[in-house]
Amino acid sequence: MTRDMQPGAEFRDVVARLLEVETSAPTFTRLSGGVSSDIWRVDTASASYCAKRALPRLKVKALWEAPTARNAEEVRWLRTVRPWIGEQVAEVIAADEQRGIAVLAWYDPQRWRNWKTELLNGRVNIEIAARLGHLLGTIARRAAEQPALARSFDNRTLFDALRTDPFFRHLQSRYPAVAALIGELEQRGATLVHGDFSPKNILVDDSGDVRVLDAECATWGAAGFDPGYLLAHLLLKLEHTGNRALLSAAKAFWRCYQIETGLARKTRTHPLLKEQDLDLQVYLTLAGMLLARVDGKSPVDYLTDAQQRSVRARALSLLSQPPLATTALLNGWLAS
């Protein structure tokens, strides 16, 4: 076998140790997908697993480097939120923080399908979007009630390297309007942020069950980032496919997120909603992500040139006008 068909000796040794088996016992199969990690299926005599290690340089055209310590932060995020949302988040089997290697549960593709692929193929389950709204809202609300997490997830440098800089600061010289979003991301902190809450990191099955993956960007930060990030990805897929069910999914997600966090009640007593404008953060993140996924360091791979121009124009229009409430933005999306 060629070198890229098998992991290096250190990786194999660490995974075997974490699984408490002989070094020669596991077999490894490289998995495709993702730009930030080296990912393998690991099979032993008794079970299958997923092993991953963060890469120092991401697999994109532009130069994009990031600390490999993000692997350990992902593991901590997964372990932190699992008591709140149960098996809806990927299970950590074992991890070596120093070497940046994690072993996760294996989710058989015979049952579990990538939500991004499902959406692009026209299979839009509104109930999944609603479930994700409740799930993400629960995480945001529960984390905000535990302010000590702000210290244990003080990962602004990591988040900056993976999100603020390549997605937004990278654009600022061309599009100064993203400065408002950058300011929110740098100055606000109210809850635990996943940082890559997009359809490509969500597995779904026929029953509507979900598994959330890949929290390498986890940090204590602006609460509006995660919901705005997911909404932008749903609207990008709407632009590409023309499937209006994606807008219904976006509305269902946002409605359930508002219910779960208390935003729908217009109160400001909960720690999640104090001293920040959550709706503004969602609006700015949504608009900024539309622009970033066209002109940032990691553009989406499915938009045509004409669709990229359309998304760019819409994003710049949103960033240049007074912010709308997110609900109003979604309600008027197809009319504008």
Protein backbone atom coordinates (compact mmCIF):
# COMPACT_ATOMS: atom_id res chain seq x y z
CA MET A 1 0.00 0.00 0.00
CA THR A 2 1.13 3.56 -0.64
CA ARG A 3 1.93 5.87 2.23
CA ASP A 4 -1.27 7.93 1.96
CA MET A 5 -3.39 4.74 2.16
CA GLN A 6 -2.21 4.03 5.71
CA PRO A 7 -1.57 6.34 8.67
CA GLY A 8 1.88 6.88 10.09
CA ALA A 9 3.32 4.67 12.78
CA GLU A 10 2.71 7.16 15.59
CA PHE A 11 -0.95 7.53 14.66
CA ARG A 12 -1.44 3.76 14.51
CA ASP A 13 0.34 3.28 17.84
CA VAL A 14 -1.69 5.96 19.61
CA VAL A 15 -5.01 4.67 18.30
CA ALA A 16 -4.16 1.09 19.33
CA ARG A 17 -3.19 2.28 22.80
CA LEU A 18 -6.38 4.30 23.16
CA LEU A 19 -8.44 1.28 22.13
CA GLU A 20 -6.36 -1.00 24.38
CA VAL A 21 -5.51 -3.45 21.60
CA GLU A 22 -2.28 -4.68 20.03
CA THR A 23 -0.69 -2.26 17.56
CA SER A 24 -1.20 -4.73 14.73
CA ALA A 25 -4.85 -5.38 15.57
CA PRO A 26 -6.67 -2.37 14.01
CA THR A 27 -7.09 -1.92 10.28
CA PHE A 28 -7.31 1.61 8.89
CA THR A 29 -9.31 3.00 5.97
CA ARG A 30 -8.87 6.63 5.00
CA LEU A 31 -12.09 8.66 4.95
CA SER A 32 -12.73 11.50 2.53
CA GLY A 33 -14.37 14.81 3.35
CA GLY A 34 -13.37 17.79 5.42
CA VAL A 35 -10.38 20.07 5.03
CA SER A 36 -9.07 20.33 8.56
CA SER A 37 -8.31 16.80 9.76
CA ASP A 38 -6.77 13.46 8.89
CA ILE A 39 -9.68 11.02 9.38
CA TRP A 40 -9.72 7.22 9.36
CA ARG A 41 -12.15 4.40 9.90
CA VAL A 42 -10.61 1.98 12.39
CA ASP A 43 -11.78 -1.62 12.55
CA THR A 44 -10.93 -4.09 15.30
CA ALA A 45 -12.18 -7.61 15.80
CA SER A 46 -15.07 -6.36 17.92
CA ALA A 47 -16.04 -2.88 16.68
CA SER A 48 -15.48 0.04 14.31
CA TYR A 49 -14.43 3.57 15.23
CA CYS A 50 -13.50 6.90 13.69
CA ALA A 51 -10.05 8.30 14.47
CA LYS A 52 -9.01 11.83 13.61
CA ARG A 53 -6.07 14.17 13.99
CA ALA A 54 -6.11 17.90 13.30
CA LEU A 55 -3.88 19.12 10.47
CA PRO A 56 -1.57 22.14 10.96
CA ARG A 57 -2.42 23.38 7.46
CA LEU A 58 -5.94 23.03 6.11
CA LYS A 59 -6.56 21.45 2.71
CA VAL A 60 -7.70 24.55 0.80
CA LYS A 61 -6.15 26.61 -2.00
CA ALA A 62 -5.37 29.64 0.16
CA LEU A 63 -2.77 29.41 2.92
CA TRP A 64 -4.73 28.56 6.06
CA GLU A 65 -2.90 27.39 9.15
CA ALA A 66 -4.41 26.69 12.56
CA PRO A 67 -3.29 25.26 15.93
CA THR A 68 -3.61 21.48 16.14
CA ALA A 69 -4.71 21.87 19.77
CA ARG A 70 -8.20 22.26 18.35
CA ASN A 71 -8.57 18.48 18.45
CA ALA A 72 -8.53 18.58 22.25
CA GLU A 73 -11.05 21.44 22.28
CA GLU A 74 -13.39 19.43 20.08
CA VAL A 75 -13.20 16.51 22.49
CA ARG A 76 -13.96 18.78 25.45
CA TRP A 77 -16.93 20.35 23.64
CA LEU A 78 -18.39 16.94 22.77
CA ARG A 79 -17.97 15.72 26.33
CA THR A 80 -19.37 18.94 27.81
CA VAL A 81 -22.61 19.03 25.83
CA ARG A 82 -23.37 15.30 25.85
CA PRO A 83 -25.04 15.42 29.30
CA TRP A 84 -27.36 18.14 27.92
CA ILE A 85 -28.40 16.61 24.60
CA GLY A 86 -27.42 12.96 24.99
CA GLU A 87 -26.53 10.82 22.01
CA GLN A 88 -27.47 13.56 19.55
CA VAL A 89 -23.80 14.55 19.74
CA ALA A 90 -20.94 12.30 18.63
CA GLU A 91 -19.54 10.03 21.34
CA VAL A 92 -15.88 10.31 22.33
CA ILE A 93 -14.37 6.88 22.95
CA ALA A 94 -10.87 8.06 23.94
CA ALA A 95 -8.40 10.84 23.20
CA ASP A 96 -4.73 11.75 23.47
CA GLU A 97 -4.69 15.49 24.03
CA GLN A 98 -0.93 15.90 23.70
CA ARG A 99 -0.78 14.21 20.30
CA GLY A 100 -4.06 15.70 19.09
CA ILE A 101 -5.69 12.37 18.26
CA ALA A 102 -9.27 11.43 19.11
CA VAL A 103 -11.19 8.20 18.67
CA LEU A 104 -14.92 8.65 18.20
CA ALA A 105 -17.86 6.32 17.77
CA TRP A 106 -18.41 5.00 14.24
CA TYR A 107 -21.72 5.94 12.63
CA ASP A 108 -22.47 3.38 9.95
CA PRO A 109 -23.27 5.04 6.59
CA GLN A 110 -25.81 2.28 5.99
CA ARG A 111 -27.92 4.15 8.52
CA TRP A 112 -26.40 7.59 8.88
CA ARG A 113 -26.27 10.06 5.99
CA ASN A 114 -24.62 13.45 5.75
CA TRP A 115 -27.23 16.20 6.01
CA LYS A 116 -25.46 18.43 3.47
CA THR A 117 -25.72 15.68 0.87
CA GLU A 118 -29.36 15.10 1.74
CA LEU A 119 -30.23 18.78 1.32
CA LEU A 120 -28.37 19.18 -1.97
CA ASN A 121 -30.18 16.10 -3.28
CA GLY A 122 -33.57 17.62 -2.47
CA ARG A 123 -34.35 15.58 0.63
CA VAL A 124 -35.37 18.32 3.08
CA ASN A 125 -36.87 17.11 6.34
CA ILE A 126 -38.30 20.13 8.18
CA GLU A 127 -38.50 18.17 11.44
CA ILE A 128 -34.72 17.68 11.42
CA ALA A 129 -34.23 21.43 11.12
CA ALA A 130 -36.64 22.00 14.00
CA ARG A 131 -34.86 19.39 16.12
CA LEU A 132 -31.54 21.12 15.47
CA GLY A 133 -33.03 24.43 16.56
CA HIS A 134 -34.05 22.94 19.88
CA LEU A 135 -30.70 21.14 20.21
CA LEU A 136 -28.54 24.20 19.53
CA GLY A 137 -30.78 26.38 21.67
CA THR A 138 -30.44 23.93 24.55
CA ILE A 139 -26.65 24.01 24.31
CA ALA A 140 -26.59 27.81 24.19
CA ARG A 141 -28.97 28.15 27.14
CA ARG A 142 -27.35 25.51 29.36
CA ALA A 143 -23.82 26.76 28.71
CA ALA A 144 -24.78 30.37 29.46
CA GLU A 145 -25.95 29.20 32.88
CA GLN A 146 -22.42 27.96 33.65
CA PRO A 147 -20.13 31.00 33.41
CA ALA A 148 -17.11 28.95 34.54
CA LEU A 149 -17.09 27.51 31.02
CA ALA A 150 -15.88 30.90 29.83
CA ARG A 151 -12.51 30.14 31.44
CA SER A 152 -12.25 26.51 30.38
CA PHE A 153 -13.17 27.38 26.78
CA ASP A 154 -11.10 30.55 26.49
CA ASN A 155 -10.26 29.71 22.87
CA ARG A 156 -10.51 33.07 21.12
CA THR A 157 -7.11 32.61 19.48
CA LEU A 158 -8.23 29.28 18.05
CA PHE A 159 -11.57 30.67 16.90
CA ASP A 160 -9.82 33.63 15.30
CA ALA A 161 -7.47 31.33 13.35
CA LEU A 162 -10.31 29.12 12.13
CA ARG A 163 -13.18 31.56 11.70
CA THR A 164 -12.74 35.29 12.23
CA ASP A 165 -9.53 35.67 10.24
CA PRO A 166 -10.07 33.36 7.23
CA PHE A 167 -13.78 34.06 6.87
CA PHE A 168 -14.13 37.74 7.73
CA ARG A 169 -10.90 39.63 8.36
CA HIS A 170 -9.66 38.17 5.08
CA LEU A 171 -12.49 40.10 3.39
CA GLN A 172 -12.31 43.36 5.29
CA SER A 173 -10.03 45.24 2.88
CA ARG A 174 -12.48 44.49 0.04
CA TYR A 175 -15.69 44.72 2.04
CA PRO A 176 -15.32 47.08 5.03
CA ALA A 177 -18.91 46.39 6.09
CA VAL A 178 -17.83 43.08 7.71
CA ALA A 179 -16.17 45.15 10.47
CA ALA A 180 -19.41 45.17 12.48
CA LEU A 181 -19.48 41.38 12.56
CA ILE A 182 -15.80 41.15 13.46
CA GLY A 183 -16.45 43.51 16.35
CA GLU A 184 -19.27 41.34 17.69
CA LEU A 185 -17.17 38.19 17.45
CA GLU A 186 -14.18 39.77 19.16
CA GLN A 187 -16.02 41.60 21.93
CA ARG A 188 -18.98 39.40 22.87
CA GLY A 189 -19.04 36.23 24.90
CA ALA A 190 -22.17 34.70 26.36
CA THR A 191 -22.15 30.97 25.70
CA LEU A 192 -20.36 27.92 24.35
CA VAL A 193 -20.01 28.08 20.57
CA HIS A 194 -19.59 25.04 18.31
CA GLY A 195 -18.11 27.16 15.51
CA ASP A 196 -18.88 24.87 12.56
CA PHE A 197 -22.55 24.06 13.03
CA SER A 198 -23.31 23.38 9.37
CA PRO A 199 -25.08 20.57 7.47
CA LYS A 200 -21.79 18.89 6.55
CA ASN A 201 -21.17 18.22 10.25
CA ILE A 202 -24.56 16.68 10.96
CA LEU A 203 -25.58 13.07 10.34
CA VAL A 204 -29.25 12.11 9.98
CA ASP A 205 -31.21 8.88 9.64
CA ASP A 206 -34.63 7.90 8.32
CA SER A 207 -36.27 8.45 11.70
CA GLY A 208 -35.13 12.08 11.85
CA ASP A 209 -32.52 11.40 14.50
CA VAL A 210 -29.30 13.44 14.35
CA ARG A 211 -25.64 13.26 15.37
CA VAL A 212 -23.60 16.47 15.59
CA LEU A 213 -19.89 16.20 14.74
CA ASP A 214 -16.72 18.26 14.39
CA ALA A 215 -16.44 20.95 17.06
CA GLU A 216 -12.82 21.93 16.36
CA CYS A 217 -13.68 25.65 16.51
CA ALA A 218 -15.27 25.44 19.96
CA THR A 219 -14.96 28.54 22.11
CA TRP A 220 -16.78 30.72 24.57
CA GLY A 221 -18.10 33.45 22.31
CA ALA A 222 -20.92 35.32 20.63
CA ALA A 223 -24.14 33.34 20.95
CA GLY A 224 -25.44 34.44 17.56
CA PHE A 225 -22.63 32.85 15.60
CA ASP A 226 -23.84 29.24 15.51
CA PRO A 227 -27.47 29.92 14.49
CA GLY A 228 -26.42 32.53 11.93
CA TYR A 229 -23.85 30.11 10.54
CA LEU A 230 -26.40 27.33 9.99
CA LEU A 231 -28.99 29.69 8.52
CA ALA A 232 -26.44 30.96 5.99
CA HIS A 233 -25.68 27.41 4.86
CA LEU A 234 -29.37 26.62 4.40
CA LEU A 235 -29.84 29.77 2.32
CA LEU A 236 -26.76 28.99 0.23
CA LYS A 237 -28.32 25.63 -0.64
CA LEU A 238 -31.60 27.38 -1.44
CA GLU A 239 -29.70 29.60 -3.87
CA HIS A 240 -28.15 26.57 -5.52
CA THR A 241 -31.15 24.24 -5.70
CA GLY A 242 -34.12 26.60 -5.77
CA ASN A 243 -35.86 24.24 -3.34
CA ARG A 244 -38.17 26.40 -1.23
CA ALA A 245 -38.39 23.70 1.41
CA LEU A 246 -34.93 24.88 2.50
CA LEU A 247 -36.41 28.24 3.48
CA SER A 248 -39.10 26.43 5.46
CA ALA A 249 -36.32 24.47 7.16
CA ALA A 250 -34.47 27.68 8.00
CA LYS A 251 -37.62 29.19 9.51
CA ALA A 252 -38.34 26.04 11.54
CA PHE A 253 -34.79 25.95 12.86
CA TRP A 254 -34.88 29.63 13.86
CA ARG A 255 -38.33 29.40 15.44
CA CYS A 256 -37.30 26.44 17.62
CA TYR A 257 -33.98 28.07 18.55
CA GLN A 258 -35.87 31.18 19.71
CA ILE A 259 -38.26 29.09 21.77
CA GLU A 260 -35.49 27.11 23.43
CA THR A 261 -33.37 30.15 24.31
CA GLY A 262 -36.22 32.39 25.44
CA LEU A 263 -35.60 34.91 22.66
CA ALA A 264 -39.15 34.41 21.43
CA ARG A 265 -40.44 35.79 24.75
CA LYS A 266 -38.47 39.02 24.34
CA THR A 267 -37.09 38.76 27.86
CA ARG A 268 -33.60 39.76 28.92
CA THR A 269 -33.37 38.00 32.27
CA HIS A 270 -31.47 34.91 31.12
CA PRO A 271 -27.66 35.15 30.99
CA LEU A 272 -27.75 34.21 27.31
CA LEU A 273 -29.68 37.35 26.44
CA LYS A 274 -28.16 39.92 28.80
CA GLU A 275 -25.83 42.63 27.52
CA GLN A 276 -25.86 41.47 23.92
CA ASP A 277 -28.12 41.70 20.89
CA LEU A 278 -28.46 38.06 19.89
CA ASP A 279 -30.68 38.83 16.92
CA LEU A 280 -28.13 41.32 15.59
CA GLN A 281 -25.35 38.76 15.89
CA VAL A 282 -27.39 36.19 13.96
CA TYR A 283 -28.16 38.72 11.22
CA LEU A 284 -24.54 39.82 10.86
CA THR A 285 -23.22 36.25 10.94
CA LEU A 286 -25.72 35.14 8.32
CA ALA A 287 -24.78 38.00 6.00
CA GLY A 288 -21.05 37.64 6.67
CA MET A 289 -21.11 33.90 6.06
CA LEU A 290 -22.89 34.31 2.73
CA LEU A 291 -20.02 36.54 1.66
CA ALA A 292 -17.32 34.36 3.20
CA ARG A 293 -18.50 31.20 1.48
CA VAL A 294 -18.11 32.98 -1.86
CA ASP A 295 -14.99 35.12 -1.34
CA GLY A 296 -13.36 33.75 1.82
CA LYS A 297 -10.52 31.25 2.09
CA SER A 298 -12.89 28.26 1.95
CA PRO A 299 -15.70 28.90 -0.58
CA VAL A 300 -18.49 26.38 -0.96
CA ASP A 301 -17.99 23.92 -3.79
CA TYR A 302 -21.46 23.81 -5.32
CA LEU A 303 -22.38 27.34 -6.46
CA THR A 304 -22.15 28.30 -10.13
CA ASP A 305 -20.51 31.59 -11.12
CA ALA A 306 -23.92 33.21 -11.53
CA GLN A 307 -25.03 31.93 -8.14
CA GLN A 308 -21.85 33.26 -6.53
CA ARG A 309 -22.57 36.71 -7.96
CA SER A 310 -26.14 36.53 -6.66
CA VAL A 311 -25.03 35.50 -3.17
CA ARG A 312 -22.35 38.20 -3.09
CA ALA A 313 -24.86 40.89 -4.06
CA ARG A 314 -27.36 39.72 -1.46
CA ALA A 315 -24.73 39.58 1.28
CA LEU A 316 -23.42 43.07 0.51
CA SER A 317 -26.97 44.43 0.47
CA LEU A 318 -27.64 42.95 3.90
CA LEU A 319 -24.40 44.31 5.33
CA SER A 320 -25.00 47.81 3.98
CA GLN A 321 -28.55 48.29 5.25
CA PRO A 322 -29.89 48.72 8.79
CA PRO A 323 -30.19 45.24 10.32
CA LEU A 324 -33.51 43.44 10.15
CA ALA A 325 -34.88 41.06 12.74
CA THR A 326 -33.83 37.58 11.62
CA THR A 327 -37.47 36.46 11.44
CA ALA A 328 -38.28 39.37 9.12
CA LEU A 329 -35.21 38.62 7.02
CA LEU A 330 -36.29 35.00 6.51
CA ASN A 331 -39.93 35.91 5.87
CA GLY A 332 -38.91 38.31 3.11
CA TRP A 333 -36.09 36.25 1.63
CA LEU A 334 -37.77 35.20 -1.60
CA ALA A 335 -39.49 38.53 -2.11
CA SER A 336 -36.31 40.62 -2.18
